[in-house]
Amino acid sequence: MIAILSNQAPEEQLQEVIRVIEKEGLTVHLSRGADRTVVGLIGKAEPRLAEHLRQMKGVEDVVKISKSYKLASRDFHPENTVIQIGDVKIGGGELVVMGGPCAVESPEQIDEIARLVKAAGGQVLRGGAFKPRTGPYSFQGVGVEGLIMMAEAGKKHGLLTITEVMTPEYVDICAEYADILQIGTRNMQNFDLLRKLGTCGRPVLLKRGFSATYDELLNAAEYILAGGNPDVMLCERGIRTFESYTRNTLDLAAIPALQSLSHLPVISDPSHGTGRRELVEPMAKASVAAGADGLIIEMHTDPDNSMTGDGVQSLFPDQFAGLMRDLEQLSPIVGKSFATPKAEAAAFKNWAIV
């Protein structure tokens, strides 16, 4: 349930509404917008409370939220959530690009890729230290050493870092070294992990399960939000369909749909969403045109020999840089800002594809 107050209502009227709600043993979630203030009621409210609130001074309306997710709902929080990490704002007017390899392989590899991501205009370095693989004999990542390597590379080149966390036991160590924690598609409904992330103190990028509905994704986000962590990003990374040409089917409709249903930032992953290098660039641009707040893209200096075997969906450095230049032209058309460093061309002179 939410109580809606005009921003013209005096502060004492708002505080009286909050006092009445808390007296009933409910938790209050406050969202101040440009024209109105929304007071969210968390917990089981008696019907009489709604009528009481309607009669209070300053209250314009009381609305029951029928959705199973509350904190993630735009009804509950009408204004867009903007997550600020250092100088980077995710969910505002700036397009945010997260780039890097599927997995951290060595200090030299992640340092060079971090340099190239920064030179191209990316703001976040991606890389996996722990890798969930379909087969038990596939490369599983280098573990905590990979976290340290990526943290050092990010710090050296002025990039934020994002890495995947797979189990509740690894949340604290990943949060110690990474700026953003990623939940992969297989763990979207790992509820113990989601609860732990609610208390981790780090922003979370939650990837959509490859068979999940929008409602299921938003309910998964609700676990993190309910745990006390307001900094959640939703990620469309493709769903499994009958089409076998692509690794997944990137659901572009999810971007505006989720933005309509929720206030949380929406990130697109065209690398996993297509699984084909030649499709990453056009689908990245399509994602931005659809309104994505950011992109997470795989880029590798030697993708065909990457340790994960996912190189077929990784861009070469010069392709990544070219995409960044195109995004700089596209972003203003859809109301976003994105700029590439003017001296970036020199950083990629050795990466031209013959």
Protein backbone atom coordinates (compact mmCIF):
# COMPACT_ATOMS: atom_id res chain seq x y z
CA MET A 1 0.00 0.00 0.00
CA ILE A 2 1.17 3.56 -0.67
CA ALA A 3 0.01 6.92 0.62
CA ILE A 4 0.48 9.80 -1.83
CA LEU A 5 1.11 13.30 -0.51
CA SER A 6 1.54 16.50 -2.46
CA ASN A 7 4.92 18.15 -2.14
CA GLN A 8 2.99 21.19 -0.96
CA ALA A 9 2.06 19.31 2.22
CA PRO A 10 4.00 20.65 5.25
CA GLU A 11 6.70 18.40 6.73
CA GLU A 12 4.74 18.02 9.96
CA GLN A 13 1.83 16.45 8.05
CA LEU A 14 4.21 13.96 6.43
CA GLN A 15 5.75 13.09 9.78
CA GLU A 16 2.29 12.56 11.29
CA VAL A 17 1.44 10.11 8.49
CA ILE A 18 4.69 8.24 9.14
CA ARG A 19 3.98 8.16 12.88
CA VAL A 20 0.54 6.61 12.31
CA ILE A 21 1.96 3.95 9.99
CA GLU A 22 4.82 3.00 12.31
CA LYS A 23 2.42 2.82 15.25
CA GLU A 24 0.73 -0.06 13.38
CA GLY A 25 4.04 -1.96 13.35
CA LEU A 26 4.71 -1.30 9.66
CA THR A 27 7.91 -0.14 7.98
CA VAL A 28 7.94 3.08 5.98
CA HIS A 29 9.69 3.57 2.63
CA LEU A 30 9.82 7.22 1.52
CA SER A 31 10.17 8.35 -2.10
CA ARG A 32 10.26 12.09 -2.82
CA GLY A 33 9.52 13.07 -6.41
CA ALA A 34 9.27 16.40 -8.19
CA ASP A 35 5.52 16.76 -7.62
CA ARG A 36 4.59 14.29 -4.93
CA THR A 37 5.88 12.23 -2.05
CA VAL A 38 5.07 8.53 -1.91
CA VAL A 39 4.99 6.84 1.48
CA GLY A 40 5.26 3.09 1.08
CA LEU A 41 3.87 0.76 3.73
CA ILE A 42 5.83 -2.47 4.11
CA GLY A 43 4.06 -5.21 6.03
CA LYS A 44 0.48 -6.40 6.44
CA ALA A 45 -1.80 -3.38 6.78
CA GLU A 46 -5.32 -3.61 8.16
CA PRO A 47 -8.08 -2.23 5.88
CA ARG A 48 -9.03 0.37 8.50
CA LEU A 49 -5.57 1.93 8.21
CA ALA A 50 -6.16 2.83 4.55
CA GLU A 51 -9.33 4.70 5.45
CA HIS A 52 -7.58 6.43 8.34
CA LEU A 53 -4.77 7.62 6.09
CA ARG A 54 -7.18 8.91 3.43
CA GLN A 55 -8.71 11.25 6.02
CA MET A 56 -5.39 12.68 7.19
CA LYS A 57 -4.27 16.17 6.19
CA GLY A 58 -1.90 16.29 3.23
CA VAL A 59 -2.84 12.84 1.90
CA GLU A 60 -4.14 12.93 -1.67
CA ASP A 61 -4.74 9.22 -2.14
CA VAL A 62 -4.07 5.76 -0.74
CA VAL A 63 -3.43 3.01 -3.31
CA LYS A 64 -3.09 -0.72 -2.78
CA ILE A 65 -0.29 -2.28 -4.83
CA SER A 66 -1.45 -5.60 -6.21
CA LYS A 67 1.94 -6.64 -7.60
CA SER A 68 3.84 -9.30 -5.66
CA TYR A 69 6.95 -7.09 -5.76
CA LYS A 70 6.64 -3.77 -3.93
CA LEU A 71 10.04 -2.10 -3.48
CA ALA A 72 10.96 -2.83 -7.10
CA SER A 73 7.69 -1.41 -8.41
CA ARG A 74 7.46 1.99 -10.07
CA ASP A 75 4.14 2.46 -8.24
CA PHE A 76 6.08 2.33 -4.99
CA HIS A 77 8.99 4.46 -6.24
CA PRO A 78 7.88 6.70 -9.16
CA GLU A 79 11.27 8.36 -9.74
CA ASN A 80 14.12 6.54 -11.49
CA THR A 81 16.74 5.09 -9.20
CA VAL A 82 20.20 6.50 -9.94
CA ILE A 83 23.09 4.51 -8.51
CA GLN A 84 26.21 6.59 -7.94
CA ILE A 85 29.57 4.86 -7.51
CA GLY A 86 32.37 7.37 -7.36
CA ASP A 87 31.95 9.68 -10.35
CA VAL A 88 29.77 7.22 -12.30
CA LYS A 89 25.98 7.47 -12.23
CA ILE A 90 23.99 4.47 -13.43
CA GLY A 91 20.36 5.09 -14.30
CA GLY A 92 20.64 8.80 -15.00
CA GLY A 93 21.36 10.63 -18.21
CA GLU A 94 24.76 9.02 -18.76
CA LEU A 95 25.17 5.82 -20.76
CA VAL A 96 27.42 3.43 -18.82
CA VAL A 97 29.51 0.79 -20.58
CA MET A 98 31.02 -2.18 -18.76
CA GLY A 99 33.66 -3.94 -20.83
CA GLY A 100 36.20 -6.69 -20.40
CA PRO A 101 36.84 -10.41 -20.68
CA CYS A 102 34.55 -13.22 -19.70
CA ALA A 103 37.22 -14.34 -17.20
CA VAL A 104 40.35 -12.94 -15.60
CA GLU A 105 43.24 -15.08 -16.86
CA SER A 106 46.45 -13.32 -15.77
CA PRO A 107 47.66 -9.97 -14.40
CA GLU A 108 49.02 -8.99 -17.80
CA GLN A 109 45.80 -9.90 -19.61
CA ILE A 110 43.44 -7.97 -17.31
CA ASP A 111 45.79 -4.97 -17.10
CA GLU A 112 45.99 -4.63 -20.88
CA ILE A 113 42.25 -5.03 -21.31
CA ALA A 114 41.58 -2.46 -18.55
CA ARG A 115 43.83 -0.01 -20.40
CA LEU A 116 41.89 -0.56 -23.61
CA VAL A 117 38.46 -0.29 -21.95
CA LYS A 118 39.46 3.02 -20.39
CA ALA A 119 40.97 4.32 -23.63
CA ALA A 120 37.77 3.51 -25.52
CA GLY A 121 35.56 5.37 -23.03
CA GLY A 122 34.26 2.54 -20.84
CA GLN A 123 33.61 3.29 -17.18
CA VAL A 124 33.53 -0.21 -15.69
CA LEU A 125 35.87 -3.21 -16.07
CA ARG A 126 34.10 -6.56 -16.16
CA GLY A 127 35.75 -9.91 -15.52
CA GLY A 128 34.95 -13.19 -13.82
CA ALA A 129 37.11 -14.70 -11.08
CA PHE A 130 34.60 -17.49 -10.40
CA LYS A 131 32.90 -18.97 -13.46
CA PRO A 132 29.67 -21.03 -13.43
CA ARG A 133 30.08 -23.53 -16.25
CA THR A 134 27.63 -26.04 -17.68
CA GLY A 135 30.24 -28.82 -17.60
CA PRO A 136 32.32 -29.72 -14.53
CA TYR A 137 35.56 -30.03 -16.54
CA SER A 138 35.43 -26.54 -18.07
CA PHE A 139 37.59 -23.67 -16.81
CA GLN A 140 36.07 -22.47 -13.54
CA GLY A 141 38.06 -19.26 -13.02
CA VAL A 142 41.18 -18.39 -11.04
CA GLY A 143 39.34 -17.52 -7.81
CA VAL A 144 40.36 -14.90 -5.28
CA GLU A 145 43.63 -14.19 -7.13
CA GLY A 146 41.51 -13.05 -10.07
CA LEU A 147 39.63 -10.62 -7.83
CA ILE A 148 42.92 -9.10 -6.71
CA MET A 149 44.23 -8.86 -10.29
CA MET A 150 41.08 -7.10 -11.48
CA ALA A 151 40.93 -4.73 -8.52
CA GLU A 152 44.53 -3.67 -9.15
CA ALA A 153 43.90 -3.18 -12.88
CA GLY A 154 40.74 -1.17 -12.24
CA LYS A 155 42.48 1.07 -9.72
CA LYS A 156 45.48 1.61 -12.01
CA HIS A 157 43.36 2.67 -14.98
CA GLY A 158 40.59 4.53 -13.14
CA LEU A 159 37.79 2.04 -13.74
CA LEU A 160 35.10 0.61 -11.52
CA THR A 161 34.98 -3.19 -11.46
CA ILE A 162 32.19 -5.75 -11.68
CA THR A 163 32.48 -9.49 -11.07
CA GLU A 164 30.13 -12.42 -10.66
CA VAL A 165 29.45 -13.94 -7.25
CA MET A 166 28.12 -17.50 -7.20
CA THR A 167 27.49 -18.48 -3.58
CA PRO A 168 26.60 -16.67 -0.32
CA GLU A 169 29.98 -17.71 1.10
CA TYR A 170 31.85 -15.67 -1.52
CA VAL A 171 29.80 -12.46 -1.24
CA ASP A 172 32.01 -10.83 1.40
CA ILE A 173 35.31 -11.53 -0.38
CA CYS A 174 33.92 -10.38 -3.74
CA ALA A 175 32.52 -7.22 -2.10
CA GLU A 176 35.95 -6.53 -0.64
CA TYR A 177 37.57 -6.29 -4.08
CA ALA A 178 34.80 -5.39 -6.57
CA ASP A 179 32.67 -2.25 -6.86
CA ILE A 180 29.63 -4.07 -8.32
CA LEU A 181 28.53 -7.67 -7.75
CA GLN A 182 26.90 -9.56 -10.60
CA ILE A 183 24.35 -12.35 -10.28
CA GLY A 184 24.40 -14.66 -13.27
CA THR A 185 21.41 -16.09 -15.07
CA ARG A 186 21.66 -19.47 -13.29
CA ASN A 187 21.56 -17.80 -9.88
CA MET A 188 18.69 -15.37 -10.44
CA GLN A 189 16.52 -17.42 -8.09
CA ASN A 190 19.23 -18.50 -5.65
CA PHE A 191 17.30 -16.99 -2.77
CA ASP A 192 19.97 -17.52 -0.11
CA LEU A 193 22.41 -15.63 -2.33
CA LEU A 194 19.88 -12.85 -2.99
CA ARG A 195 19.24 -12.43 0.75
CA LYS A 196 22.97 -12.18 1.42
CA LEU A 197 23.33 -9.52 -1.27
CA GLY A 198 20.69 -7.47 0.49
CA THR A 199 23.23 -6.82 3.24
CA CYS A 200 26.48 -6.68 1.23
CA GLY A 201 26.79 -2.91 0.91
CA ARG A 202 27.62 -3.08 -2.81
CA PRO A 203 25.52 -2.34 -5.90
CA VAL A 204 24.20 -5.49 -7.57
CA LEU A 205 23.64 -6.28 -11.25
CA LEU A 206 20.95 -8.97 -11.43
CA LYS A 207 20.84 -10.90 -14.68
CA ARG A 208 17.54 -12.27 -15.91
CA GLY A 209 17.25 -16.04 -15.81
CA PHE A 210 17.27 -17.52 -19.31
CA SER A 211 13.71 -18.79 -18.79
CA ALA A 212 12.46 -16.07 -16.43
CA THR A 213 9.52 -13.74 -16.89
CA TYR A 214 9.69 -10.03 -16.07
CA ASP A 215 7.65 -10.71 -12.94
CA GLU A 216 10.10 -13.37 -11.77
CA LEU A 217 13.07 -11.08 -12.37
CA LEU A 218 11.48 -8.26 -10.41
CA ASN A 219 10.57 -10.58 -7.55
CA ALA A 220 14.21 -11.71 -7.44
CA ALA A 221 15.25 -8.06 -7.22
CA GLU A 222 12.74 -7.64 -4.40
CA TYR A 223 14.73 -10.06 -2.23
CA ILE A 224 17.80 -7.82 -2.48
CA LEU A 225 15.84 -4.61 -1.94
CA ALA A 226 13.95 -6.08 1.02
CA GLY A 227 17.29 -6.96 2.61
CA GLY A 228 18.18 -3.27 2.73
CA ASN A 229 20.23 -2.82 -0.46
CA PRO A 230 18.59 -0.19 -2.72
CA ASP A 231 21.30 -0.31 -5.41
CA VAL A 232 20.05 -2.96 -7.82
CA MET A 233 20.38 -3.01 -11.62
CA LEU A 234 18.34 -5.32 -13.85
CA CYS A 235 20.12 -6.97 -16.77
CA GLU A 236 18.52 -8.34 -19.92
CA ARG A 237 20.94 -11.00 -21.20
CA GLY A 238 18.77 -13.03 -23.54
CA ILE A 239 16.31 -15.84 -23.04
CA ARG A 240 16.22 -19.40 -24.33
CA THR A 241 13.90 -19.89 -27.30
CA PHE A 242 13.54 -22.42 -30.12
CA GLU A 243 16.06 -20.46 -32.23
CA SER A 244 19.45 -22.18 -32.36
CA TYR A 245 21.39 -19.74 -34.58
CA THR A 246 22.07 -17.44 -31.62
CA ARG A 247 23.15 -18.53 -28.15
CA ASN A 248 20.08 -16.80 -26.69
CA THR A 249 17.41 -14.44 -27.97
CA LEU A 250 18.04 -10.90 -26.72
CA ASP A 251 14.64 -9.56 -25.61
CA LEU A 252 14.83 -5.88 -26.51
CA ALA A 253 11.22 -5.37 -25.43
CA ALA A 254 12.36 -6.16 -21.88
CA ILE A 255 14.21 -2.84 -21.69
CA PRO A 256 11.24 -0.44 -22.00
CA ALA A 257 8.93 -2.98 -20.33
CA LEU A 258 11.08 -3.22 -17.20
CA GLN A 259 11.51 0.55 -17.15
CA SER A 260 7.74 0.87 -17.19
CA LEU A 261 7.26 -1.66 -14.39
CA SER A 262 10.23 -0.64 -12.24
CA HIS A 263 12.39 2.33 -11.27
CA LEU A 264 15.60 0.27 -11.31
CA PRO A 265 18.27 0.86 -13.99
CA VAL A 266 18.22 -1.59 -16.91
CA ILE A 267 21.46 -2.89 -18.45
CA SER A 268 21.68 -4.92 -21.67
CA ASP A 269 24.14 -7.76 -22.37
CA PRO A 270 24.36 -8.25 -26.14
CA SER A 271 27.33 -10.62 -25.79
CA HIS A 272 25.43 -13.39 -23.99
CA GLY A 273 22.21 -12.22 -25.64
CA THR A 274 23.49 -13.28 -29.07
CA GLY A 275 26.62 -15.40 -28.55
CA ARG A 276 27.96 -14.20 -31.89
CA ARG A 277 30.62 -11.52 -32.27
CA GLU A 278 29.14 -10.07 -35.46
CA LEU A 279 25.80 -9.48 -33.72
CA VAL A 280 27.11 -7.79 -30.58
CA GLU A 281 27.59 -4.33 -32.09
CA PRO A 282 24.18 -4.00 -33.81
CA MET A 283 22.36 -5.37 -30.76
CA ALA A 284 24.30 -3.05 -28.46
CA LYS A 285 23.13 -0.10 -30.55
CA ALA A 286 19.58 -1.47 -30.64
CA SER A 287 19.65 -1.77 -26.85
CA VAL A 288 20.65 1.86 -26.46
CA ALA A 289 17.95 2.89 -28.94
CA ALA A 290 15.45 0.93 -26.82
CA GLY A 291 16.45 2.98 -23.78
CA ALA A 292 19.04 0.87 -21.95
CA ASP A 293 20.84 2.69 -19.14
CA GLY A 294 24.02 0.77 -19.87
CA LEU A 295 25.72 -2.12 -21.62
CA ILE A 296 27.90 -4.98 -20.41
CA ILE A 297 30.08 -6.25 -23.26
CA GLU A 298 32.75 -8.91 -23.56
CA MET A 299 36.06 -7.76 -25.07
CA HIS A 300 39.29 -9.75 -25.24
CA THR A 301 42.71 -9.15 -26.77
CA ASP A 302 42.83 -12.75 -28.07
CA PRO A 303 39.23 -13.96 -27.96
CA ASP A 304 39.77 -17.02 -30.14
CA ASN A 305 42.19 -18.40 -27.54
CA SER A 306 40.38 -17.33 -24.37
CA MET A 307 40.42 -19.83 -21.50
CA THR A 308 36.62 -19.91 -21.23
CA GLY A 309 35.95 -20.85 -24.85
CA ASP A 310 33.43 -18.00 -25.13
CA GLY A 311 35.61 -15.98 -27.48
CA VAL A 312 33.09 -16.22 -30.30
CA GLN A 313 30.97 -13.61 -28.49
CA SER A 314 33.87 -11.33 -27.48
CA LEU A 315 34.79 -8.23 -29.47
CA PHE A 316 38.35 -7.48 -30.53
CA PRO A 317 39.69 -4.24 -28.99
CA ASP A 318 39.34 -2.21 -32.17
CA GLN A 319 35.75 -3.42 -32.62
CA PHE A 320 35.01 -2.37 -29.04
CA ALA A 321 36.54 1.07 -29.67
CA GLY A 322 34.56 1.47 -32.89
CA LEU A 323 31.35 0.61 -31.07
CA MET A 324 32.13 3.22 -28.42
CA ARG A 325 32.54 5.89 -31.11
CA ASP A 326 29.21 4.92 -32.65
CA LEU A 327 27.53 5.06 -29.25
CA GLU A 328 28.87 8.58 -28.78
CA GLN A 329 26.90 9.57 -31.89
CA LEU A 330 23.79 7.56 -31.01
CA SER A 331 23.41 8.43 -27.33
CA PRO A 332 22.25 12.07 -27.70
CA ILE A 333 19.45 10.97 -30.02
CA VAL A 334 17.90 8.92 -27.20
CA GLY A 335 18.60 11.45 -24.47
CA LYS A 336 21.82 9.96 -23.13
CA SER A 337 25.32 11.36 -22.89
CA PHE A 338 28.44 9.36 -23.71
CA ALA A 339 31.88 10.57 -24.69
CA THR A 340 35.00 8.77 -25.87
CA PRO A 341 38.50 10.09 -25.06
CA LYS A 342 39.86 12.15 -27.94
CA ALA A 343 43.23 10.40 -27.84
CA GLU A 344 41.82 6.89 -27.88
CA ALA A 345 42.85 6.05 -31.46
CA ALA A 346 46.51 5.64 -30.55
CA ALA A 347 45.70 3.03 -27.92
CA PHE A 348 44.29 0.69 -30.59
CA LYS A 349 46.84 1.08 -33.35
CA ASN A 350 48.16 -2.46 -32.84
CA TRP A 351 44.69 -4.06 -32.87
CA ALA A 352 43.49 -3.53 -36.43
CA ILE A 353 41.93 -6.70 -37.82
CA VAL A 354 43.42 -7.70 -41.17
